[in-house]
Amino acid sequence: MEVLFYFLLAYLLGSIPFALVVSLPQGVDPREAGSGNPGATNVARLLGKKWGLVTFIGDAGKGIFALYVVKFLSSQDFTQNPLLYSGIALSAIVGHLHSVFLKFGGGKGVATTIGTFLILTPKALITVLPIFFLAVYISGYVSVGSLLSVALLPLLIYLYKYPNEYTYSALLLVPLIYWKHKDNIKRLIRGEEKSWKRNKV
């Protein structure tokens, strides 16, 4: 029962919609403006990069916070059980993807994935971040950097010889996050994706 409680707690923490926390007080609902996605990229387009960064920090931070809260409260050391620890991380990410506070809708999961895997597999995450930024810089599309990074993360985790459970968890995230990016993928194919290089809003 204790394990189920912590899975639920991580899910609820991951469900906190920071895009709405940041945007609604300013009279903007990211679900109804821009791309319609309650995430950092859309908030940045709607309210500016500063607020997009605040949203990103919140979304990444809730993944980090979920892992540390469970570590602090639990009577057992989850860090010594890769299966359970990665399960807690996945619960937080699923909370962001399918938030109970947003009628099980949510963001695209990249920021919360960054937060949780910064704790689980820091070497792999730090290695993939420059790839993300380079892909965004070259292509002009945040979605390209996100999709490439998510696909490479399991390989990097494996190469750095982290526990196999962390590799499997990262692999499970690939189809979940790609599915959340399905509209971006369609726009990329059609050449309609919004590019930072062209300063589209």
N, C-alpha and C. Protein backbone atom coordinates (compact mmCIF):
# COMPACT_ATOMS: atom_id res chain seq x y z
N MET A 1 0.82 -1.21 0.00
CA MET A 1 0.00 0.00 0.00
C MET A 1 0.86 1.27 0.00
N GLU A 2 1.99 1.20 0.70
CA GLU A 2 2.86 2.38 0.74
C GLU A 2 3.35 2.73 -0.67
N VAL A 3 3.72 1.70 -1.43
CA VAL A 3 4.22 1.93 -2.79
C VAL A 3 3.13 2.57 -3.65
N LEU A 4 1.91 2.08 -3.56
CA LEU A 4 0.80 2.65 -4.33
C LEU A 4 0.55 4.11 -3.95
N PHE A 5 0.67 4.40 -2.67
CA PHE A 5 0.50 5.78 -2.21
C PHE A 5 1.52 6.70 -2.86
N TYR A 6 2.77 6.26 -2.93
CA TYR A 6 3.81 7.12 -3.49
C TYR A 6 3.68 7.24 -5.00
N PHE A 7 3.21 6.21 -5.65
CA PHE A 7 2.93 6.32 -7.08
C PHE A 7 1.85 7.36 -7.32
N LEU A 8 0.80 7.31 -6.50
CA LEU A 8 -0.29 8.27 -6.63
C LEU A 8 0.18 9.68 -6.31
N LEU A 9 0.99 9.81 -5.27
CA LEU A 9 1.52 11.13 -4.90
C LEU A 9 2.35 11.71 -6.04
N ALA A 10 3.21 10.90 -6.64
CA ALA A 10 4.04 11.37 -7.76
C ALA A 10 3.17 11.78 -8.93
N TYR A 11 2.11 11.00 -9.19
CA TYR A 11 1.19 11.34 -10.28
C TYR A 11 0.53 12.69 -10.02
N LEU A 12 0.06 12.91 -8.80
CA LEU A 12 -0.63 14.16 -8.48
C LEU A 12 0.31 15.36 -8.57
N LEU A 13 1.54 15.18 -8.11
CA LEU A 13 2.52 16.26 -8.23
C LEU A 13 2.82 16.55 -9.69
N GLY A 14 2.95 15.50 -10.49
CA GLY A 14 3.19 15.69 -11.92
C GLY A 14 2.01 16.32 -12.63
N SER A 15 0.83 16.19 -12.06
CA SER A 15 -0.38 16.72 -12.69
C SER A 15 -0.54 18.23 -12.54
N ILE A 16 0.23 18.85 -11.66
CA ILE A 16 0.09 20.30 -11.44
C ILE A 16 0.36 21.03 -12.77
N PRO A 17 -0.62 21.77 -13.29
CA PRO A 17 -0.47 22.41 -14.62
C PRO A 17 0.19 23.79 -14.50
N PHE A 18 1.50 23.82 -14.48
CA PHE A 18 2.19 25.09 -14.30
C PHE A 18 1.93 26.08 -15.42
N ALA A 19 1.63 25.60 -16.61
CA ALA A 19 1.30 26.52 -17.70
C ALA A 19 0.08 27.36 -17.35
N LEU A 20 -0.90 26.73 -16.69
CA LEU A 20 -2.10 27.46 -16.28
C LEU A 20 -1.82 28.33 -15.06
N VAL A 21 -1.02 27.83 -14.13
CA VAL A 21 -0.65 28.61 -12.94
C VAL A 21 0.01 29.92 -13.36
N VAL A 22 0.84 29.86 -14.40
CA VAL A 22 1.55 31.05 -14.89
C VAL A 22 0.64 31.94 -15.73
N SER A 23 -0.18 31.33 -16.58
CA SER A 23 -0.90 32.08 -17.61
C SER A 23 -2.25 32.64 -17.17
N LEU A 24 -3.02 31.87 -16.43
CA LEU A 24 -4.39 32.31 -16.10
C LEU A 24 -4.42 33.63 -15.33
N PRO A 25 -3.50 33.87 -14.36
CA PRO A 25 -3.53 35.17 -13.69
C PRO A 25 -3.28 36.34 -14.63
N GLN A 26 -2.71 36.06 -15.81
CA GLN A 26 -2.44 37.11 -16.79
C GLN A 26 -3.52 37.16 -17.87
N GLY A 27 -4.60 36.44 -17.62
CA GLY A 27 -5.74 36.50 -18.54
C GLY A 27 -5.57 35.69 -19.81
N VAL A 28 -4.66 34.74 -19.81
CA VAL A 28 -4.41 33.91 -21.00
C VAL A 28 -4.59 32.44 -20.62
N ASP A 29 -5.34 31.71 -21.43
CA ASP A 29 -5.49 30.27 -21.23
C ASP A 29 -4.77 29.56 -22.38
N PRO A 30 -3.60 28.93 -22.11
CA PRO A 30 -2.84 28.30 -23.19
C PRO A 30 -3.56 27.14 -23.86
N ARG A 31 -4.62 26.64 -23.24
CA ARG A 31 -5.41 25.58 -23.86
C ARG A 31 -6.28 26.12 -24.98
N GLU A 32 -6.51 27.44 -24.97
CA GLU A 32 -7.42 28.05 -25.95
C GLU A 32 -6.72 29.06 -26.85
N ALA A 33 -5.41 29.18 -26.73
CA ALA A 33 -4.66 30.14 -27.54
C ALA A 33 -3.37 29.49 -28.04
N GLY A 34 -2.80 30.07 -29.07
CA GLY A 34 -1.58 29.52 -29.64
C GLY A 34 -1.79 28.12 -30.16
N SER A 35 -0.92 27.20 -29.77
CA SER A 35 -1.03 25.81 -30.21
C SER A 35 -2.09 25.04 -29.43
N GLY A 36 -2.57 25.63 -28.32
CA GLY A 36 -3.54 24.93 -27.48
C GLY A 36 -2.92 23.97 -26.49
N ASN A 37 -1.60 23.95 -26.43
CA ASN A 37 -0.91 23.02 -25.53
C ASN A 37 -0.53 23.72 -24.23
N PRO A 38 -0.88 23.12 -23.08
CA PRO A 38 -0.52 23.72 -21.80
C PRO A 38 0.92 23.37 -21.41
N GLY A 39 1.86 23.95 -22.14
CA GLY A 39 3.27 23.66 -21.91
C GLY A 39 4.11 24.92 -22.06
N ALA A 40 5.39 24.77 -21.77
CA ALA A 40 6.30 25.92 -21.72
C ALA A 40 6.45 26.61 -23.08
N THR A 41 6.52 25.85 -24.16
CA THR A 41 6.73 26.45 -25.48
C THR A 41 5.56 27.34 -25.86
N ASN A 42 4.35 26.87 -25.62
CA ASN A 42 3.17 27.68 -25.95
C ASN A 42 3.08 28.91 -25.06
N VAL A 43 3.39 28.75 -23.78
CA VAL A 43 3.39 29.90 -22.88
C VAL A 43 4.41 30.94 -23.34
N ALA A 44 5.57 30.48 -23.78
CA ALA A 44 6.61 31.41 -24.27
C ALA A 44 6.11 32.18 -25.48
N ARG A 45 5.39 31.51 -26.37
CA ARG A 45 4.86 32.19 -27.55
C ARG A 45 3.78 33.21 -27.17
N LEU A 46 2.99 32.85 -26.18
CA LEU A 46 1.86 33.71 -25.81
C LEU A 46 2.24 34.85 -24.89
N LEU A 47 3.17 34.61 -23.96
CA LEU A 47 3.48 35.60 -22.93
C LEU A 47 4.94 36.05 -22.93
N GLY A 48 5.76 35.42 -23.74
CA GLY A 48 7.17 35.80 -23.77
C GLY A 48 8.06 34.72 -23.19
N LYS A 49 9.33 34.80 -23.53
CA LYS A 49 10.28 33.76 -23.14
C LYS A 49 10.45 33.65 -21.62
N LYS A 50 10.35 34.80 -20.93
CA LYS A 50 10.52 34.76 -19.47
C LYS A 50 9.48 33.84 -18.83
N TRP A 51 8.23 33.98 -19.23
CA TRP A 51 7.16 33.17 -18.65
C TRP A 51 7.22 31.74 -19.16
N GLY A 52 7.73 31.58 -20.37
CA GLY A 52 7.95 30.22 -20.86
C GLY A 52 9.00 29.50 -20.02
N LEU A 53 10.04 30.23 -19.65
CA LEU A 53 11.10 29.65 -18.81
C LEU A 53 10.56 29.31 -17.42
N VAL A 54 9.74 30.20 -16.86
CA VAL A 54 9.14 29.93 -15.55
C VAL A 54 8.30 28.65 -15.61
N THR A 55 7.53 28.50 -16.68
CA THR A 55 6.71 27.30 -16.86
C THR A 55 7.58 26.06 -16.98
N PHE A 56 8.65 26.17 -17.77
CA PHE A 56 9.57 25.04 -17.94
C PHE A 56 10.17 24.63 -16.60
N ILE A 57 10.61 25.60 -15.82
CA ILE A 57 11.22 25.29 -14.52
C ILE A 57 10.20 24.61 -13.62
N GLY A 58 8.96 25.09 -13.65
CA GLY A 58 7.91 24.47 -12.85
C GLY A 58 7.64 23.04 -13.27
N ASP A 59 7.55 22.82 -14.57
CA ASP A 59 7.25 21.47 -15.08
C ASP A 59 8.40 20.51 -14.84
N ALA A 60 9.62 21.00 -15.00
CA ALA A 60 10.78 20.14 -14.71
C ALA A 60 10.92 19.93 -13.20
N GLY A 61 10.69 21.01 -12.46
CA GLY A 61 10.86 20.94 -11.01
C GLY A 61 9.88 20.00 -10.33
N LYS A 62 8.67 19.88 -10.87
CA LYS A 62 7.71 19.00 -10.20
C LYS A 62 8.14 17.53 -10.33
N GLY A 63 8.84 17.20 -11.40
CA GLY A 63 9.39 15.84 -11.53
C GLY A 63 10.49 15.59 -10.52
N ILE A 64 11.36 16.59 -10.37
CA ILE A 64 12.43 16.49 -9.37
C ILE A 64 11.83 16.41 -7.98
N PHE A 65 10.86 17.28 -7.71
CA PHE A 65 10.24 17.35 -6.39
C PHE A 65 9.55 16.03 -6.03
N ALA A 66 8.88 15.43 -7.02
CA ALA A 66 8.18 14.16 -6.76
C ALA A 66 9.16 13.09 -6.29
N LEU A 67 10.31 13.00 -6.93
CA LEU A 67 11.29 12.00 -6.54
C LEU A 67 11.86 12.27 -5.16
N TYR A 68 12.12 13.54 -4.86
CA TYR A 68 12.69 13.85 -3.57
C TYR A 68 11.69 13.73 -2.44
N VAL A 69 10.43 14.07 -2.71
CA VAL A 69 9.40 13.91 -1.68
C VAL A 69 9.25 12.44 -1.29
N VAL A 70 9.19 11.58 -2.32
CA VAL A 70 9.06 10.15 -2.05
C VAL A 70 10.28 9.64 -1.30
N LYS A 71 11.45 10.09 -1.70
CA LYS A 71 12.69 9.67 -1.02
C LYS A 71 12.68 10.10 0.44
N PHE A 72 12.16 11.30 0.70
CA PHE A 72 12.15 11.84 2.07
C PHE A 72 11.11 11.15 2.94
N LEU A 73 9.94 10.88 2.39
CA LEU A 73 8.83 10.34 3.17
C LEU A 73 8.88 8.83 3.34
N SER A 74 9.45 8.14 2.37
CA SER A 74 9.35 6.69 2.37
C SER A 74 10.21 6.05 3.45
N SER A 75 9.72 4.93 3.96
CA SER A 75 10.48 4.15 4.95
C SER A 75 11.53 3.28 4.29
N GLN A 76 11.47 3.16 2.95
CA GLN A 76 12.47 2.38 2.22
C GLN A 76 13.21 3.28 1.26
N ASP A 77 14.41 2.86 0.89
CA ASP A 77 15.25 3.66 -0.01
C ASP A 77 14.93 3.29 -1.45
N PHE A 78 14.10 4.10 -2.08
CA PHE A 78 13.71 3.82 -3.45
C PHE A 78 14.89 3.90 -4.41
N THR A 79 15.91 4.67 -4.05
CA THR A 79 17.05 4.80 -4.95
C THR A 79 17.78 3.48 -5.13
N GLN A 80 17.60 2.56 -4.17
CA GLN A 80 18.23 1.25 -4.27
C GLN A 80 17.36 0.23 -4.99
N ASN A 81 16.20 0.67 -5.44
CA ASN A 81 15.29 -0.20 -6.19
C ASN A 81 14.96 0.48 -7.51
N PRO A 82 15.76 0.27 -8.55
CA PRO A 82 15.57 0.99 -9.82
C PRO A 82 14.18 0.82 -10.43
N LEU A 83 13.57 -0.34 -10.24
CA LEU A 83 12.23 -0.56 -10.81
C LEU A 83 11.22 0.39 -10.17
N LEU A 84 11.22 0.46 -8.85
CA LEU A 84 10.27 1.33 -8.16
C LEU A 84 10.61 2.81 -8.38
N TYR A 85 11.89 3.14 -8.35
CA TYR A 85 12.29 4.54 -8.49
C TYR A 85 11.95 5.07 -9.89
N SER A 86 12.20 4.25 -10.90
CA SER A 86 11.83 4.67 -12.25
C SER A 86 10.31 4.69 -12.41
N GLY A 87 9.61 3.82 -11.67
CA GLY A 87 8.15 3.85 -11.71
C GLY A 87 7.60 5.13 -11.12
N ILE A 88 8.22 5.61 -10.04
CA ILE A 88 7.82 6.89 -9.45
C ILE A 88 8.03 8.02 -10.47
N ALA A 89 9.16 7.99 -11.15
CA ALA A 89 9.45 9.00 -12.17
C ALA A 89 8.41 8.97 -13.29
N LEU A 90 8.08 7.78 -13.77
CA LEU A 90 7.08 7.64 -14.82
C LEU A 90 5.72 8.15 -14.36
N SER A 91 5.39 7.91 -13.10
CA SER A 91 4.11 8.38 -12.58
C SER A 91 4.02 9.90 -12.65
N ALA A 92 5.11 10.58 -12.30
CA ALA A 92 5.12 12.04 -12.38
C ALA A 92 4.97 12.52 -13.82
N ILE A 93 5.65 11.85 -14.74
CA ILE A 93 5.58 12.24 -16.15
C ILE A 93 4.19 11.98 -16.71
N VAL A 94 3.61 10.84 -16.37
CA VAL A 94 2.25 10.53 -16.82
C VAL A 94 1.26 11.55 -16.24
N GLY A 95 1.53 12.01 -15.01
CA GLY A 95 0.69 13.05 -14.44
C GLY A 95 0.70 14.31 -15.28
N HIS A 96 1.86 14.66 -15.81
CA HIS A 96 1.94 15.83 -16.69
C HIS A 96 1.23 15.58 -18.02
N LEU A 97 1.42 14.39 -18.56
CA LEU A 97 0.81 14.06 -19.85
C LEU A 97 -0.71 13.96 -19.76
N HIS A 98 -1.19 13.44 -18.64
CA HIS A 98 -2.63 13.18 -18.47
C HIS A 98 -3.04 13.65 -17.07
N SER A 99 -3.12 14.95 -16.92
CA SER A 99 -3.36 15.54 -15.61
C SER A 99 -4.81 15.39 -15.16
N VAL A 100 -4.98 14.96 -13.92
CA VAL A 100 -6.32 14.86 -13.35
C VAL A 100 -6.96 16.24 -13.25
N PHE A 101 -6.15 17.29 -13.18
CA PHE A 101 -6.66 18.65 -13.08
C PHE A 101 -7.06 19.24 -14.44
N LEU A 102 -6.71 18.55 -15.51
CA LEU A 102 -7.05 19.01 -16.86
C LEU A 102 -7.91 17.99 -17.59
N LYS A 103 -8.73 17.27 -16.83
CA LYS A 103 -9.60 16.24 -17.38
C LYS A 103 -8.79 15.20 -18.16
N PHE A 104 -7.62 14.90 -17.63
CA PHE A 104 -6.69 13.90 -18.16
C PHE A 104 -6.06 14.30 -19.50
N GLY A 105 -6.13 15.59 -19.80
CA GLY A 105 -5.29 16.14 -20.86
C GLY A 105 -4.00 16.62 -20.22
N GLY A 106 -3.15 17.28 -20.99
CA GLY A 106 -1.92 17.78 -20.40
C GLY A 106 -0.91 18.20 -21.43
N GLY A 107 0.29 18.49 -20.97
CA GLY A 107 1.36 18.92 -21.84
C GLY A 107 2.03 17.75 -22.55
N LYS A 108 3.18 18.01 -23.13
CA LYS A 108 3.83 17.01 -23.98
C LYS A 108 4.94 16.24 -23.27
N GLY A 109 5.21 16.59 -22.02
CA GLY A 109 6.04 15.73 -21.19
C GLY A 109 7.53 15.95 -21.22
N VAL A 110 8.02 16.83 -22.08
CA VAL A 110 9.47 16.95 -22.24
C VAL A 110 10.12 17.56 -21.00
N ALA A 111 9.56 18.65 -20.49
CA ALA A 111 10.17 19.31 -19.33
C ALA A 111 10.18 18.39 -18.11
N THR A 112 9.08 17.71 -17.85
CA THR A 112 9.01 16.82 -16.69
C THR A 112 9.93 15.63 -16.87
N THR A 113 10.08 15.16 -18.10
CA THR A 113 11.05 14.10 -18.38
C THR A 113 12.47 14.57 -18.07
N ILE A 114 12.78 15.79 -18.46
CA ILE A 114 14.10 16.34 -18.16
C ILE A 114 14.34 16.38 -16.66
N GLY A 115 13.33 16.84 -15.90
CA GLY A 115 13.49 16.92 -14.46
C GLY A 115 13.73 15.57 -13.81
N THR A 116 12.89 14.59 -14.15
CA THR A 116 13.02 13.28 -13.50
C THR A 116 14.30 12.57 -13.91
N PHE A 117 14.66 12.63 -15.17
CA PHE A 117 15.86 11.91 -15.60
C PHE A 117 17.15 12.66 -15.24
N LEU A 118 17.03 13.95 -14.89
CA LEU A 118 18.18 14.64 -14.32
C LEU A 118 18.56 14.00 -12.99
N ILE A 119 17.56 13.50 -12.27
CA ILE A 119 17.80 12.81 -11.01
C ILE A 119 18.18 11.35 -11.24
N LEU A 120 17.46 10.68 -12.13
CA LEU A 120 17.69 9.25 -12.35
C LEU A 120 19.01 8.99 -13.07
N THR A 121 19.23 9.70 -14.17
CA THR A 121 20.38 9.43 -15.04
C THR A 121 21.04 10.75 -15.45
N PRO A 122 21.69 11.43 -14.52
CA PRO A 122 22.20 12.78 -14.82
C PRO A 122 23.18 12.84 -15.98
N LYS A 123 24.07 11.86 -16.11
CA LYS A 123 25.05 11.90 -17.21
C LYS A 123 24.34 11.83 -18.56
N ALA A 124 23.38 10.94 -18.68
CA ALA A 124 22.65 10.80 -19.94
C ALA A 124 21.86 12.05 -20.26
N LEU A 125 21.22 12.63 -19.26
CA LEU A 125 20.40 13.82 -19.47
C LEU A 125 21.26 15.01 -19.86
N ILE A 126 22.38 15.18 -19.16
CA ILE A 126 23.27 16.30 -19.47
C ILE A 126 23.88 16.14 -20.87
N THR A 127 24.09 14.90 -21.29
CA THR A 127 24.61 14.65 -22.64
C THR A 127 23.59 14.98 -23.70
N VAL A 128 22.32 14.70 -23.43
CA VAL A 128 21.29 14.90 -24.46
C VAL A 128 20.88 16.36 -24.60
N LEU A 129 21.08 17.17 -23.55
CA LEU A 129 20.65 18.57 -23.62
C LEU A 129 21.33 19.37 -24.73
N PRO A 130 22.67 19.27 -24.90
CA PRO A 130 23.28 19.99 -26.03
C PRO A 130 22.74 19.53 -27.39
N ILE A 131 22.40 18.25 -27.49
CA ILE A 131 21.81 17.74 -28.73
C ILE A 131 20.46 18.40 -28.97
N PHE A 132 19.69 18.56 -27.92
CA PHE A 132 18.39 19.23 -28.02
C PHE A 132 18.57 20.66 -28.54
N PHE A 133 19.45 21.42 -27.89
CA PHE A 133 19.63 22.82 -28.27
C PHE A 133 20.20 22.95 -29.69
N LEU A 134 21.11 22.06 -30.05
CA LEU A 134 21.68 22.10 -31.40
C LEU A 134 20.61 21.80 -32.44
N ALA A 135 19.77 20.81 -32.16
CA ALA A 135 18.70 20.46 -33.10
C ALA A 135 17.71 21.61 -33.26
N VAL A 136 17.39 22.28 -32.15
CA VAL A 136 16.48 23.43 -32.22
C VAL A 136 17.12 24.57 -33.00
N TYR A 137 18.42 24.81 -32.75
CA TYR A 137 19.12 25.90 -33.43
C TYR A 137 19.19 25.66 -34.93
N ILE A 138 19.54 24.43 -35.32
CA ILE A 138 19.70 24.12 -36.74
C ILE A 138 18.36 24.09 -37.46
N SER A 139 17.37 23.44 -36.85
CA SER A 139 16.08 23.27 -37.52
C SER A 139 15.14 24.46 -37.34
N GLY A 140 15.27 25.13 -36.20
CA GLY A 140 14.35 26.21 -35.88
C GLY A 140 13.09 25.73 -35.19
N TYR A 141 13.01 24.42 -34.90
CA TYR A 141 11.80 23.85 -34.32
C TYR A 141 12.09 23.21 -32.97
N VAL A 142 11.38 23.65 -31.93
CA VAL A 142 11.52 23.03 -30.62
C VAL A 142 11.09 21.58 -30.67
N SER A 143 10.07 21.29 -31.47
CA SER A 143 9.56 19.92 -31.55
C SER A 143 10.61 18.96 -32.10
N VAL A 144 11.43 19.41 -33.03
CA VAL A 144 12.48 18.54 -33.58
C VAL A 144 13.49 18.21 -32.50
N GLY A 145 13.90 19.21 -31.73
CA GLY A 145 14.83 18.95 -30.63
C GLY A 145 14.23 18.01 -29.60
N SER A 146 12.96 18.19 -29.30
CA SER A 146 12.29 17.35 -28.30
C SER A 146 12.21 15.90 -28.78
N LEU A 147 11.77 15.71 -30.00
CA LEU A 147 11.59 14.35 -30.54
C LEU A 147 12.92 13.62 -30.66
N LEU A 148 13.94 14.33 -31.12
CA LEU A 148 15.26 13.71 -31.26
C LEU A 148 15.84 13.34 -29.89
N SER A 149 15.71 14.25 -28.94
CA SER A 149 16.27 14.00 -27.61
C SER A 149 15.59 12.83 -26.91
N VAL A 150 14.28 12.78 -27.00
CA VAL A 150 13.53 11.69 -26.36
C VAL A 150 13.92 10.34 -26.97
N ALA A 151 14.16 10.33 -28.28
CA ALA A 151 14.55 9.09 -28.95
C ALA A 151 15.95 8.65 -28.57
N LEU A 152 16.84 9.60 -28.33
CA LEU A 152 18.24 9.28 -28.01
C LEU A 152 18.45 8.95 -26.54
N LEU A 153 17.57 9.44 -25.68
CA LEU A 153 17.78 9.27 -24.24
C LEU A 153 17.94 7.80 -23.81
N PRO A 154 17.08 6.86 -24.27
CA PRO A 154 17.27 5.46 -23.86
C PRO A 154 18.63 4.91 -24.25
N LEU A 155 19.10 5.28 -25.44
CA LEU A 155 20.41 4.80 -25.89
C LEU A 155 21.52 5.34 -25.00
N LEU A 156 21.45 6.61 -24.65
CA LEU A 156 22.48 7.20 -23.80
C LEU A 156 22.46 6.59 -22.40
N ILE A 157 21.26 6.34 -21.88
CA ILE A 157 21.15 5.70 -20.57
C ILE A 157 21.80 4.32 -20.60
N TYR A 158 21.57 3.59 -21.68
CA TYR A 158 22.17 2.26 -21.84
C TYR A 158 23.70 2.36 -21.95
N LEU A 159 24.19 3.32 -22.74
CA LEU A 159 25.62 3.45 -22.94
C LEU A 159 26.35 3.87 -21.66
N TYR A 160 25.68 4.63 -20.82
CA TYR A 160 26.28 5.04 -19.56
C TYR A 160 26.14 3.96 -18.47
N LYS A 161 25.54 2.84 -18.85
CA LYS A 161 25.45 1.65 -17.97
C LYS A 161 24.65 1.92 -16.69
N TYR A 162 23.60 2.71 -16.82
CA TYR A 162 22.66 2.84 -15.71
C TYR A 162 21.84 1.56 -15.62
N PRO A 163 21.13 1.35 -14.52
CA PRO A 163 20.29 0.14 -14.40
C PRO A 163 19.34 -0.01 -15.59
N ASN A 164 19.16 -1.25 -16.02
CA ASN A 164 18.31 -1.50 -17.19
C ASN A 164 16.91 -0.95 -17.02
N GLU A 165 16.41 -0.91 -15.79
CA GLU A 165 15.07 -0.40 -15.56
C GLU A 165 14.93 1.05 -16.02
N TYR A 166 15.99 1.84 -15.92
CA TYR A 166 15.95 3.22 -16.36
C TYR A 166 15.90 3.30 -17.88
N THR A 167 16.62 2.39 -18.53
CA THR A 167 16.55 2.33 -19.99
C THR A 167 15.15 1.96 -20.45
N TYR A 168 14.56 0.97 -19.81
CA TYR A 168 13.21 0.54 -20.19
C TYR A 168 12.19 1.65 -19.96
N SER A 169 12.35 2.38 -18.87
CA SER A 169 11.43 3.48 -18.58
C SER A 169 11.53 4.56 -19.66
N ALA A 170 12.75 4.87 -20.06
CA ALA A 170 12.93 5.86 -21.12
C ALA A 170 12.34 5.38 -22.45
N LEU A 171 12.48 4.08 -22.71
CA LEU A 171 11.89 3.52 -23.92
C LEU A 171 10.36 3.60 -23.90
N LEU A 172 9.77 3.37 -22.73
CA LEU A 172 8.32 3.47 -22.61
C LEU A 172 7.83 4.89 -22.90
N LEU A 173 8.65 5.87 -22.57
CA LEU A 173 8.25 7.26 -22.77
C LEU A 173 8.24 7.67 -24.24
N VAL A 174 9.05 7.01 -25.06
CA VAL A 174 9.17 7.43 -26.46
C VAL A 174 7.81 7.43 -27.17
N PRO A 175 7.05 6.33 -27.18
CA PRO A 175 5.76 6.39 -27.87
C PRO A 175 4.77 7.33 -27.19
N LEU A 176 4.83 7.45 -25.86
CA LEU A 176 3.91 8.36 -25.17
C LEU A 176 4.14 9.81 -25.59
N ILE A 177 5.41 10.21 -25.62
CA ILE A 177 5.73 11.60 -25.95
C ILE A 177 5.57 11.85 -27.45
N TYR A 178 5.89 10.86 -28.26
CA TYR A 178 5.68 11.01 -29.71
C TYR A 178 4.19 11.16 -30.02
N TRP A 179 3.37 10.40 -29.29
CA TRP A 179 1.92 10.52 -29.50
C TRP A 179 1.44 11.92 -29.14
N LYS A 180 1.96 12.48 -28.06
CA LYS A 180 1.60 13.83 -27.67
C LYS A 180 2.07 14.87 -28.70
N HIS A 181 3.10 14.51 -29.46
CA HIS A 181 3.63 15.40 -30.50
C HIS A 181 3.07 15.09 -31.88
N LYS A 182 2.01 14.30 -31.95
CA LYS A 182 1.52 13.86 -33.26
C LYS A 182 1.13 15.04 -34.16
N ASP A 183 0.54 16.07 -33.58
CA ASP A 183 0.17 17.24 -34.39
C ASP A 183 1.40 17.98 -34.87
N ASN A 184 2.43 18.06 -34.02
CA ASN A 184 3.69 18.68 -34.45
C ASN A 184 4.31 17.90 -35.60
N ILE A 185 4.28 16.58 -35.50
CA ILE A 185 4.85 15.74 -36.55
C ILE A 185 4.11 15.96 -37.87
N LYS A 186 2.79 16.05 -37.79
CA LYS A 186 1.99 16.30 -39.01
C LYS A 186 2.34 17.66 -39.60
N ARG A 187 2.49 18.68 -38.74
CA ARG A 187 2.84 20.01 -39.24
C ARG A 187 4.24 20.04 -39.83
N LEU A 188 5.17 19.29 -39.21
CA LEU A 188 6.53 19.21 -39.76
C LEU A 188 6.50 18.60 -41.15
N ILE A 189 5.73 17.55 -41.33
CA ILE A 189 5.63 16.89 -42.63
C ILE A 189 5.04 17.83 -43.67
N ARG A 190 4.05 18.63 -43.24
CA ARG A 190 3.40 19.56 -44.18
C ARG A 190 4.17 20.87 -44.34
N GLY A 191 5.21 21.06 -43.53
CA GLY A 191 5.97 22.30 -43.58
C GLY A 191 5.24 23.46 -42.91
N GLU A 192 4.36 23.16 -41.95
CA GLU A 192 3.54 24.19 -41.31
C GLU A 192 3.92 24.41 -39.85
N GLU A 193 4.92 23.73 -39.35
CA GLU A 193 5.30 23.88 -37.95
C GLU A 193 5.85 25.28 -37.70
N LYS A 194 5.54 25.85 -36.53
CA LYS A 194 5.99 27.20 -36.20
C LYS A 194 7.48 27.19 -35.87
N SER A 195 8.22 28.09 -36.49
CA SER A 195 9.67 28.13 -36.32
C SER A 195 10.09 29.35 -35.50
N TRP A 196 10.99 29.12 -34.53
CA TRP A 196 11.53 30.24 -33.79
C TRP A 196 12.40 31.14 -34.70
N LYS A 197 12.97 30.56 -35.70
CA LYS A 197 13.84 31.34 -36.59
C LYS A 197 13.07 32.42 -37.34
N ARG A 198 11.80 32.08 -37.65
CA ARG A 198 10.96 33.04 -38.38
C ARG A 198 10.12 33.89 -37.44
N ASN A 199 10.36 33.66 -36.11
CA ASN A 199 9.65 34.45 -35.09
C ASN A 199 8.15 34.42 -35.27
N LYS A 200 7.64 33.24 -35.61
CA LYS A 200 6.19 33.11 -35.73
C LYS A 200 5.57 33.01 -34.36
N VAL A 201 4.34 33.44 -34.25
CA VAL A 201 3.57 33.33 -33.03
C VAL A 201 2.30 32.53 -33.30
